[in-house]
C-alpha atoms as a PDB file:
ATOM      1  CA  UNK A   1     -23.439-127.057-125.200  1.00  0.00           C
ATOM      2  CA  UNK A   2     -25.731-125.078-126.979  1.00  0.00           C
ATOM      3  CA  UNK A   3     -25.464-121.858-124.246  1.00  0.00           C
ATOM      4  CA  UNK A   4     -21.747-121.890-124.747  1.00  0.00           C
ATOM      5  CA  UNK A   5     -22.290-121.691-128.391  1.00  0.00           C
ATOM      6  CA  UNK A   6     -24.459-118.981-128.379  1.00  0.00           C
ATOM      7  CA  UNK A   7     -22.084-117.374-126.002  1.00  0.00           C
ATOM      8  CA  UNK A   8     -19.315-117.509-127.973  1.00  0.00           C
ATOM      9  CA  UNK A   9     -21.064-116.417-130.877  1.00  0.00           C
ATOM     10  CA  UNK A  10     -22.921-114.068-130.435  1.00  0.00           C
ATOM     11  CA  UNK A  11     -21.347-112.249-127.350  1.00  0.00           C
ATOM     12  CA  UNK A  12     -18.247-109.555-126.964  1.00  0.00           C
ATOM     13  CA  UNK A  13     -15.439-111.791-128.595  1.00  0.00           C
ATOM     14  CA  UNK A  14     -12.483-109.240-127.517  1.00  0.00           C
ATOM     15  CA  UNK A  15     -12.430-110.201-124.063  1.00  0.00           C
ATOM     16  CA  UNK A  16     -12.361-114.096-125.666  1.00  0.00           C
ATOM     17  CA  UNK A  17      -9.712-113.182-127.989  1.00  0.00           C
ATOM     18  CA  UNK A  18      -7.410-112.402-124.835  1.00  0.00           C
ATOM     19  CA  UNK A  19      -7.938-116.194-123.165  1.00  0.00           C
ATOM     20  CA  UNK A  20      -5.530-117.665-125.806  1.00  0.00           C
ATOM     21  CA  UNK A  21      -2.846-115.078-126.344  1.00  0.00           C
ATOM     22  CA  UNK A  22      -2.782-115.172-122.272  1.00  0.00           C
ATOM     23  CA  UNK A  23      -2.109-118.684-122.298  1.00  0.00           C
ATOM     24  CA  UNK A  24       0.729-118.686-125.311  1.00  0.00           C
ATOM     25  CA  UNK A  25       2.433-115.676-123.247  1.00  0.00           C
ATOM     26  CA  UNK A  26       2.449-118.192-120.224  1.00  0.00           C
ATOM     27  CA  UNK A  27       3.632-121.386-122.022  1.00  0.00           C
ATOM     28  CA  UNK A  28       6.057-119.427-123.931  1.00  0.00           C
ATOM     29  CA  UNK A  29       7.303-117.865-120.666  1.00  0.00           C
ATOM     30  CA  UNK A  30       7.065-121.522-118.481  1.00  0.00           C
ATOM     31  CA  UNK A  31       9.285-123.054-121.853  1.00  0.00           C
ATOM     32  CA  UNK A  32      12.057-120.279-121.071  1.00  0.00           C
ATOM     33  CA  UNK A  33      12.320-120.833-117.238  1.00  0.00           C
ATOM     34  CA  UNK A  34      11.931-124.577-117.190  1.00  0.00           C
ATOM     35  CA  UNK A  35      13.124-125.788-120.551  1.00  0.00           C
ATOM     36  CA  UNK A  36      12.088-128.794-122.458  1.00  0.00           C
ATOM     37  CA  UNK A  37      13.157-132.553-122.069  1.00  0.00           C
ATOM     38  CA  UNK A  38      14.998-133.806-125.409  1.00  0.00           C
ATOM     39  CA  UNK A  39      14.158-137.681-126.070  1.00  0.00           C
ATOM     40  CA  UNK A  40      16.824-140.607-126.127  1.00  0.00           C
ATOM     41  CA  UNK A  41      16.353-140.278-129.938  1.00  0.00           C
ATOM     42  CA  UNK A  42      17.567-136.761-129.677  1.00  0.00           C
ATOM     43  CA  UNK A  43      20.409-136.724-127.239  1.00  0.00           C
ATOM     44  CA  UNK A  44      21.044-140.358-127.583  1.00  0.00           C
ATOM     45  CA  UNK A  45      21.597-142.567-124.474  1.00  0.00           C
ATOM     46  CA  UNK A  46      21.674-146.433-123.844  1.00  0.00           C
ATOM     47  CA  UNK A  47      18.032-148.275-123.594  1.00  0.00           C
ATOM     48  CA  UNK A  48      18.050-151.178-121.056  1.00  0.00           C
ATOM     49  CA  UNK A  49      14.714-153.811-121.204  1.00  0.00           C
ATOM     50  CA  UNK A  50      15.173-156.335-116.942  1.00  0.00           C
ATOM     51  CA  UNK A  51      12.742-158.561-115.272  1.00  0.00           C
ATOM     52  CA  UNK A  52      13.061-157.854-111.929  1.00  0.00           C
ATOM     53  CA  UNK A  53      13.752-160.299-109.368  1.00  0.00           C
ATOM     54  CA  UNK A  54      12.292-158.646-106.765  1.00  0.00           C
ATOM     55  CA  UNK A  55       9.067-156.343-106.389  1.00  0.00           C
ATOM     56  CA  UNK A  56      10.146-152.891-106.980  1.00  0.00           C
ATOM     57  CA  UNK A  57       7.990-149.274-108.220  1.00  0.00           C
ATOM     58  CA  UNK A  58       9.545-147.283-110.940  1.00  0.00           C
ATOM     59  CA  UNK A  59      11.093-144.582-108.558  1.00  0.00           C
ATOM     60  CA  UNK A  60      12.848-147.731-106.827  1.00  0.00           C
ATOM     61  CA  UNK A  61      14.044-148.926-109.772  1.00  0.00           C
ATOM     62  CA  UNK A  62      15.190-145.081-110.896  1.00  0.00           C
ATOM     63  CA  UNK A  63      16.931-144.378-108.019  1.00  0.00           C
ATOM     64  CA  UNK A  64      18.746-147.629-107.725  1.00  0.00           C
ATOM     65  CA  UNK A  65      20.003-146.980-111.584  1.00  0.00           C
ATOM     66  CA  UNK A  66      21.031-143.399-110.128  1.00  0.00           C
ATOM     67  CA  UNK A  67      22.577-144.316-107.069  1.00  0.00           C
ATOM     68  CA  UNK A  68      24.701-147.135-108.804  1.00  0.00           C
ATOM     69  CA  UNK A  69      26.035-145.321-111.849  1.00  0.00           C
ATOM     70  CA  UNK A  70      26.134-142.130-110.444  1.00  0.00           C
ATOM     71  CA  UNK A  71      23.991-140.666-113.045  1.00  0.00           C
ATOM     72  CA  UNK A  72      21.006-138.289-112.647  1.00  0.00           C
ATOM     73  CA  UNK A  73      19.301-138.527-115.987  1.00  0.00           C
ATOM     74  CA  UNK A  74      17.608-141.855-115.424  1.00  0.00           C
ATOM     75  CA  UNK A  75      13.793-142.917-117.037  1.00  0.00           C
ATOM     76  CA  UNK A  76      11.919-145.774-116.293  1.00  0.00           C
ATOM     77  CA  UNK A  77       9.093-147.461-117.636  1.00  0.00           C
ATOM     78  CA  UNK A  78       7.299-150.479-115.674  1.00  0.00           C
ATOM     79  CA  UNK A  79       5.408-153.134-117.266  1.00  0.00           C
ATOM     80  CA  UNK A  80       4.375-156.062-114.797  1.00  0.00           C
ATOM     81  CA  UNK A  81       8.096-157.369-113.818  1.00  0.00           C
ATOM     82  CA  UNK A  82       9.427-156.051-116.852  1.00  0.00           C
ATOM     83  CA  UNK A  83      11.048-152.594-116.717  1.00  0.00           C
ATOM     84  CA  UNK A  84      12.723-150.558-119.792  1.00  0.00           C
ATOM     85  CA  UNK A  85      15.042-148.413-118.083  1.00  0.00           C
ATOM     86  CA  UNK A  86      16.314-144.973-120.176  1.00  0.00           C
ATOM     87  CA  UNK A  87      19.928-144.011-118.996  1.00  0.00           C
ATOM     88  CA  UNK A  88      21.689-140.878-121.266  1.00  0.00           C
ATOM     89  CA  UNK A  89      24.955-141.399-122.404  1.00  0.00           C
ATOM     90  CA  UNK A  90      27.140-144.661-123.517  1.00  0.00           C
ATOM     91  CA  UNK A  91      26.984-147.345-120.474  1.00  0.00           C
ATOM     92  CA  UNK A  92      29.118-150.107-120.278  1.00  0.00           C
ATOM     93  CA  UNK A  93      27.134-153.838-120.181  1.00  0.00           C
ATOM     94  CA  UNK A  94      29.249-155.518-117.917  1.00  0.00           C
ATOM     95  CA  UNK A  95      29.572-153.089-115.168  1.00  0.00           C
ATOM     96  CA  UNK A  96      25.661-152.751-115.406  1.00  0.00           C
ATOM     97  CA  UNK A  97      25.048-156.396-115.058  1.00  0.00           C
ATOM     98  CA  UNK A  98      27.556-156.662-112.399  1.00  0.00           C
ATOM     99  CA  UNK A  99      26.752-153.931-109.681  1.00  0.00           C
ATOM    100  CA  UNK A 100      22.563-154.243-110.762  1.00  0.00           C
ATOM    101  CA  UNK A 101      22.831-158.683-110.958  1.00  0.00           C
ATOM    102  CA  UNK A 102      20.820-158.840-107.416  1.00  0.00           C
ATOM    103  CA  UNK A 103      17.974-156.543-108.531  1.00  0.00           C
ATOM    104  CA  UNK A 104      18.130-157.078-112.422  1.00  0.00           C
ATOM    105  CA  UNK A 105      17.755-160.059-114.977  1.00  0.00           C
ATOM    106  CA  UNK A 106      19.254-157.966-118.510  1.00  0.00           C
ATOM    107  CA  UNK A 107      17.063-158.573-121.015  1.00  0.00           C
ATOM    108  CA  UNK A 108      18.345-156.675-124.006  1.00  0.00           C
ATOM    109  CA  UNK A 109      20.619-153.678-123.745  1.00  0.00           C
ATOM    110  CA  UNK A 110      21.223-151.791-126.545  1.00  0.00           C
ATOM    111  CA  UNK A 111      22.852-148.323-127.125  1.00  0.00           C
ATOM    112  CA  UNK A 112      21.112-145.470-129.438  1.00  0.00           C
ATOM    113  CA  UNK A 113      22.679-142.936-130.991  1.00  0.00           C
ATOM    114  CA  UNK A 114      21.059-139.269-131.412  1.00  0.00           C
ATOM    115  CA  UNK A 115      18.197-139.645-134.251  1.00  0.00           C
ATOM    116  CA  UNK A 116      17.870-135.849-134.803  1.00  0.00           C
ATOM    117  CA  UNK A 117      20.751-133.920-134.427  1.00  0.00           C
ATOM    118  CA  UNK A 118      21.197-130.515-133.965  1.00  0.00           C
ATOM    119  CA  UNK A 119      21.101-129.649-137.840  1.00  0.00           C
ATOM    120  CA  UNK A 120      18.342-132.171-138.248  1.00  0.00           C
ATOM    121  CA  UNK A 121      16.512-129.862-135.628  1.00  0.00           C
ATOM    122  CA  UNK A 122      17.529-126.803-137.354  1.00  0.00           C
ATOM    123  CA  UNK A 123      16.336-128.148-140.634  1.00  0.00           C
ATOM    124  CA  UNK A 124      12.786-128.846-138.826  1.00  0.00           C
ATOM    125  CA  UNK A 125      12.339-125.322-137.295  1.00  0.00           C
ATOM    126  CA  UNK A 126      13.194-124.109-141.189  1.00  0.00           C
ATOM    127  CA  UNK A 127      10.477-126.224-142.227  1.00  0.00           C
ATOM    128  CA  UNK A 128       7.981-124.933-139.942  1.00  0.00           C
ATOM    129  CA  UNK A 129       8.768-121.647-140.953  1.00  0.00           C
ATOM    130  CA  UNK A 130       8.503-121.986-144.547  1.00  0.00           C
ATOM    131  CA  UNK A 131       4.735-124.028-143.618  1.00  0.00           C
ATOM    132  CA  UNK A 132       3.685-120.980-141.862  1.00  0.00           C
ATOM    133  CA  UNK A 133       4.546-118.513-144.637  1.00  0.00           C
ATOM    134  CA  UNK A 134       3.534-120.671-147.270  1.00  0.00           C
ATOM    135  CA  UNK A 135      -0.130-121.772-145.109  1.00  0.00           C
ATOM    136  CA  UNK A 136       0.194-117.496-145.127  1.00  0.00           C
ATOM    137  CA  UNK A 137       0.355-117.235-148.340  1.00  0.00           C
ATOM    138  CA  UNK A 138      -2.134-119.977-150.000  1.00  0.00           C
ATOM    139  CA  UNK A 139      -5.119-118.115-147.770  1.00  0.00           C
ATOM    140  CA  UNK A 140      -3.969-114.639-148.857  1.00  0.00           C
ATOM    141  CA  UNK A 141      -4.560-115.910-152.246  1.00  0.00           C
ATOM    142  CA  UNK A 142      -7.676-117.645-152.087  1.00  0.00           C
ATOM    143  CA  UNK A 143      -9.584-115.081-149.469  1.00  0.00           C
ATOM    144  CA  UNK A 144      -7.817-111.954-151.133  1.00  0.00           C
ATOM    145  CA  UNK A 145      -7.313-110.652-147.533  1.00  0.00           C
ATOM    146  CA  UNK A 146      -4.455-110.035-145.190  1.00  0.00           C
ATOM    147  CA  UNK A 147      -6.107-109.881-141.689  1.00  0.00           C
ATOM    148  CA  UNK A 148      -7.423-113.983-141.900  1.00  0.00           C
ATOM    149  CA  UNK A 149      -4.089-115.182-143.387  1.00  0.00           C
ATOM    150  CA  UNK A 150      -2.023-113.649-140.262  1.00  0.00           C
ATOM    151  CA  UNK A 151      -5.167-114.759-137.860  1.00  0.00           C
ATOM    152  CA  UNK A 152      -4.808-118.082-138.803  1.00  0.00           C
ATOM    153  CA  UNK A 153      -0.531-118.038-138.164  1.00  0.00           C
ATOM    154  CA  UNK A 154      -1.386-116.681-134.960  1.00  0.00           C
ATOM    155  CA  UNK A 155      -3.689-119.673-134.128  1.00  0.00           C
ATOM    156  CA  UNK A 156      -1.436-121.696-135.440  1.00  0.00           C
ATOM    157  CA  UNK A 157       1.621-120.388-133.538  1.00  0.00           C
ATOM    158  CA  UNK A 158      -0.631-120.162-130.356  1.00  0.00           C
ATOM    159  CA  UNK A 159      -1.644-123.494-130.762  1.00  0.00           C
ATOM    160  CA  UNK A 160       2.063-124.877-130.570  1.00  0.00           C
ATOM    161  CA  UNK A 161       2.797-122.555-128.339  1.00  0.00           C
ATOM    162  CA  UNK A 162       0.478-124.065-125.778  1.00  0.00           C
ATOM    163  CA  UNK A 163       0.887-127.851-127.009  1.00  0.00           C
ATOM    164  CA  UNK A 164       5.150-127.141-126.425  1.00  0.00           C
ATOM    165  CA  UNK A 165       4.845-125.666-123.069  1.00  0.00           C
ATOM    166  CA  UNK A 166       2.521-128.912-122.016  1.00  0.00           C
ATOM    167  CA  UNK A 167       5.037-131.132-122.606  1.00  0.00           C
ATOM    168  CA  UNK A 168       7.591-129.244-120.673  1.00  0.00           C
ATOM    169  CA  UNK A 169       4.748-128.478-117.668  1.00  0.00           C
ATOM    170  CA  UNK A 170       4.010-132.282-117.603  1.00  0.00           C
ATOM    171  CA  UNK A 171       7.696-133.465-118.679  1.00  0.00           C
ATOM    172  CA  UNK A 172       6.894-135.274-121.818  1.00  0.00           C
ATOM    173  CA  UNK A 173      10.192-135.516-123.803  1.00  0.00           C
ATOM    174  CA  UNK A 174      10.684-133.909-127.082  1.00  0.00           C
ATOM    175  CA  UNK A 175      11.439-136.788-129.789  1.00  0.00           C
ATOM    176  CA  UNK A 176      10.817-138.196-132.708  1.00  0.00           C
ATOM    177  CA  UNK A 177       7.377-138.947-131.883  1.00  0.00           C
ATOM    178  CA  UNK A 178       6.512-135.919-129.881  1.00  0.00           C
ATOM    179  CA  UNK A 179       7.604-133.583-133.141  1.00  0.00           C
ATOM    180  CA  UNK A 180       5.360-135.709-135.323  1.00  0.00           C
ATOM    181  CA  UNK A 181       2.615-135.387-133.757  1.00  0.00           C
ATOM    182  CA  UNK A 182       3.247-131.702-133.047  1.00  0.00           C
ATOM    183  CA  UNK A 183       3.483-131.344-137.097  1.00  0.00           C
ATOM    184  CA  UNK A 184       0.235-133.589-136.989  1.00  0.00           C
ATOM    185  CA  UNK A 185      -1.141-130.338-134.796  1.00  0.00           C
ATOM    186  CA  UNK A 186      -0.174-128.132-137.330  1.00  0.00           C
ATOM    187  CA  UNK A 187      -2.461-129.316-139.858  1.00  0.00           C
ATOM    188  CA  UNK A 188      -5.113-129.717-137.577  1.00  0.00           C
ATOM    189  CA  UNK A 189      -5.818-126.365-136.399  1.00  0.00           C
ATOM    190  CA  UNK A 190      -5.028-125.099-139.696  1.00  0.00           C
ATOM    191  CA  UNK A 191      -7.963-127.360-140.892  1.00  0.00           C
ATOM    192  CA  UNK A 192      -9.928-126.303-138.374  1.00  0.00           C
ATOM    193  CA  UNK A 193      -9.130-122.375-138.890  1.00  0.00           C
ATOM    194  CA  UNK A 194      -9.923-122.809-142.784  1.00  0.00           C
ATOM    195  CA  UNK A 195     -13.568-124.642-141.891  1.00  0.00           C
ATOM    196  CA  UNK A 196     -13.945-120.990-140.148  1.00  0.00           C
ATOM    197  CA  UNK A 197     -12.952-118.761-142.463  1.00  0.00           C
ATOM    198  CA  UNK A 198     -14.360-120.071-145.163  1.00  0.00           C
ATOM    199  CA  UNK A 199     -17.890-120.318-143.105  1.00  0.00           C
ATOM    200  CA  UNK A 200     -17.699-116.875-142.338  1.00  0.00           C
ATOM    201  CA  UNK A 201     -15.601-114.909-145.743  1.00  0.00           C
ATOM    202  CA  UNK A 202     -16.733-118.041-148.412  1.00  0.00           C
ATOM    203  CA  UNK A 203     -20.992-118.265-147.553  1.00  0.00           C
ATOM    204  CA  UNK A 204     -23.536-115.495-147.777  1.00  0.00           C
ATOM    205  CA  UNK A 205     -26.696-117.405-145.866  1.00  0.00           C
ATOM    206  CA  UNK A 206     -27.682-116.383-142.932  1.00  0.00           C
ATOM    207  CA  UNK A 207     -25.992-113.170-141.198  1.00  0.00           C
ATOM    208  CA  UNK A 208     -22.455-113.401-139.083  1.00  0.00           C
ATOM    209  CA  UNK A 209     -23.113-114.732-135.883  1.00  0.00           C
ATOM    210  CA  UNK A 210     -25.402-117.933-137.823  1.00  0.00           C
ATOM    211  CA  UNK A 211     -22.266-118.932-139.936  1.00  0.00           C
ATOM    212  CA  UNK A 212     -20.010-118.466-136.546  1.00  0.00           C
ATOM    213  CA  UNK A 213     -22.756-120.959-135.137  1.00  0.00           C
ATOM    214  CA  UNK A 214     -22.207-123.163-137.801  1.00  0.00           C
ATOM    215  CA  UNK A 215     -19.043-123.428-138.372  1.00  0.00           C
ATOM    216  CA  UNK A 216     -17.944-124.165-134.412  1.00  0.00           C
ATOM    217  CA  UNK A 217     -20.862-126.950-134.344  1.00  0.00           C
ATOM    218  CA  UNK A 218     -18.858-128.526-136.913  1.00  0.00           C
ATOM    219  CA  UNK A 219     -15.503-127.666-136.083  1.00  0.00           C
ATOM    220  CA  UNK A 220     -16.115-128.186-132.235  1.00  0.00           C
ATOM    221  CA  UNK A 221     -17.604-131.972-133.400  1.00  0.00           C
ATOM    222  CA  UNK A 222     -15.059-132.515-135.284  1.00  0.00           C
ATOM    223  CA  UNK A 223     -12.425-131.416-132.937  1.00  0.00           C
ATOM    224  CA  UNK A 224     -14.190-133.852-129.903  1.00  0.00           C
ATOM    225  CA  UNK A 225     -14.224-136.941-132.153  1.00  0.00           C
ATOM    226  CA  UNK A 226     -10.446-136.557-132.374  1.00  0.00           C
ATOM    227  CA  UNK A 227      -9.978-135.817-128.673  1.00  0.00           C
ATOM    228  CA  UNK A 228     -12.098-139.112-127.623  1.00  0.00           C
ATOM    229  CA  UNK A 229     -10.418-141.002-129.782  1.00  0.00           C
ATOM    230  CA  UNK A 230      -6.899-140.007-128.071  1.00  0.00           C
ATOM    231  CA  UNK A 231      -8.554-139.827-125.044  1.00  0.00           C
ATOM    232  CA  UNK A 232      -9.406-143.305-125.277  1.00  0.00           C
ATOM    233  CA  UNK A 233      -5.847-144.480-126.676  1.00  0.00           C
ATOM    234  CA  UNK A 234      -3.755-142.711-123.951  1.00  0.00           C
ATOM    235  CA  UNK A 235      -5.915-144.709-121.022  1.00  0.00           C
ATOM    236  CA  UNK A 236      -5.266-148.188-123.457  1.00  0.00           C
ATOM    237  CA  UNK A 237      -1.734-147.967-123.412  1.00  0.00           C
ATOM    238  CA  UNK A 238      -1.229-146.379-120.011  1.00  0.00           C
ATOM    239  CA  UNK A 239      -3.255-149.080-118.296  1.00  0.00           C
ATOM    240  CA  UNK A 240      -2.158-152.296-120.488  1.00  0.00           C
ATOM    241  CA  UNK A 241       1.012-151.366-122.521  1.00  0.00           C
ATOM    242  CA  UNK A 242       2.322-148.854-120.467  1.00  0.00           C
ATOM    243  CA  UNK A 243       5.942-149.899-122.085  1.00  0.00           C
ATOM    244  CA  UNK A 244       4.561-148.520-124.869  1.00  0.00           C
ATOM    245  CA  UNK A 245       6.206-145.220-124.341  1.00  0.00           C
ATOM    246  CA  UNK A 246       6.210-143.624-128.261  1.00  0.00           C
ATOM    247  CA  UNK A 247       2.166-143.622-128.135  1.00  0.00           C
ATOM    248  CA  UNK A 248       1.230-142.426-125.029  1.00  0.00           C
ATOM    249  CA  UNK A 249       3.762-139.269-125.702  1.00  0.00           C
ATOM    250  CA  UNK A 250       2.008-138.846-129.167  1.00  0.00           C
ATOM    251  CA  UNK A 251      -1.651-139.315-127.613  1.00  0.00           C
ATOM    252  CA  UNK A 252      -0.742-136.909-124.490  1.00  0.00           C
ATOM    253  CA  UNK A 253       0.653-134.469-127.138  1.00  0.00           C
ATOM    254  CA  UNK A 254      -2.221-134.343-129.160  1.00  0.00           C
ATOM    255  CA  UNK A 255      -4.830-134.278-126.454  1.00  0.00           C
ATOM    256  CA  UNK A 256      -2.888-131.033-125.322  1.00  0.00           C
ATOM    257  CA  UNK A 257      -2.626-129.645-128.662  1.00  0.00           C
ATOM    258  CA  UNK A 258      -6.053-129.942-129.501  1.00  0.00           C
ATOM    259  CA  UNK A 259      -7.541-129.186-126.030  1.00  0.00           C
ATOM    260  CA  UNK A 260      -5.647-125.736-127.270  1.00  0.00           C
ATOM    261  CA  UNK A 261      -7.213-125.666-130.517  1.00  0.00           C
ATOM    262  CA  UNK A 262     -10.100-125.626-129.460  1.00  0.00           C
ATOM    263  CA  UNK A 263      -9.297-122.429-127.821  1.00  0.00           C
ATOM    264  CA  UNK A 264      -7.499-120.792-130.174  1.00  0.00           C
ATOM    265  CA  UNK A 265      -9.101-120.911-133.104  1.00  0.00           C
ATOM    266  CA  UNK A 266     -12.686-120.714-131.472  1.00  0.00           C
ATOM    267  CA  UNK A 267     -11.598-117.908-129.332  1.00  0.00           C
ATOM    268  CA  UNK A 268      -8.954-115.833-130.618  1.00  0.00           C
ATOM    269  CA  UNK A 269      -9.393-116.711-134.874  1.00  0.00           C
ATOM    270  CA  UNK A 270     -13.133-116.624-134.696  1.00  0.00           C
ATOM    271  CA  UNK A 271     -12.890-113.233-132.671  1.00  0.00           C
ATOM    272  CA  UNK A 272     -10.652-111.776-135.094  1.00  0.00           C
ATOM    273  CA  UNK A 273     -12.242-112.707-138.272  1.00  0.00           C
ATOM    274  CA  UNK A 274     -15.719-111.040-136.525  1.00  0.00           C
ATOM    275  CA  UNK A 275     -14.109-107.912-135.488  1.00  0.00           C
ATOM    276  CA  UNK A 276     -12.508-108.096-138.941  1.00  0.00           C
ATOM    277  CA  UNK A 277     -15.735-108.410-140.707  1.00  0.00           C
ATOM    278  CA  UNK A 278     -17.789-105.681-138.748  1.00  0.00           C
ATOM    279  CA  UNK A 279     -15.220-103.499-139.083  1.00  0.00           C
ATOM    280  CA  UNK A 280     -15.562-103.561-142.859  1.00  0.00           C
ATOM    281  CA  UNK A 281     -19.441-103.629-143.276  1.00  0.00           C
ATOM    282  CA  UNK A 282     -19.457-107.671-143.610  1.00  0.00           C
ATOM    283  CA  UNK A 283     -22.691-109.310-142.066  1.00  0.00           C
END
């Protein structure tokens, strides 16, 4: 760990800046090609909780429902002898009972309307844009320097892009839960960026490398603590309460986002700030 810290803070920073930028570009390309799944709370659908009459895997349940109803967009979460089946679109309950009476006992059956409409998603995008603008303005006001403001915004965009690209890669749907996790990531990422910028620009104890090393040790410790908590949550949900899909999605998004934040803050943002301060003759 000490060797890694020394390398990041004391060696050439230019190659390190490229790593998160390349990951961001790859994530955006993947997202552009494969898109992002929409959760049921975005597009609406039907949620059915059933008790299995015979032993079946999640894949077998999904295939059975797809073939029986003639639909492709079906997801299943299995816990013991109980399964939660998510079906895109409205499904008639009587028809469902007739087709699968030999496989399932229906415990609950409900239609879910789209909680996040296209208009609401547009408002979320506007809110994110204004948040970035106000964050940049605040940083510029505090530090009176354009480069740190741009670096923080670029770091946040990189962090968010990699997290969303990872959601597409691992099939995590865009839902109210995952949107909330992404907003949390923005706040956390900006917090670590502000920590780094304050330590480098405001403090005068030691040289630039010493201040960078001090900031990195503090920031990485905080991030690892948050990562450990999210990993524990993910494992507990996955093993003991697999039907708690919301908690699983939130923890998975936060894990990927926190890993991305390590790169965007301590590779890219640190590299930009070091380059900026060395160019300006600061130490």
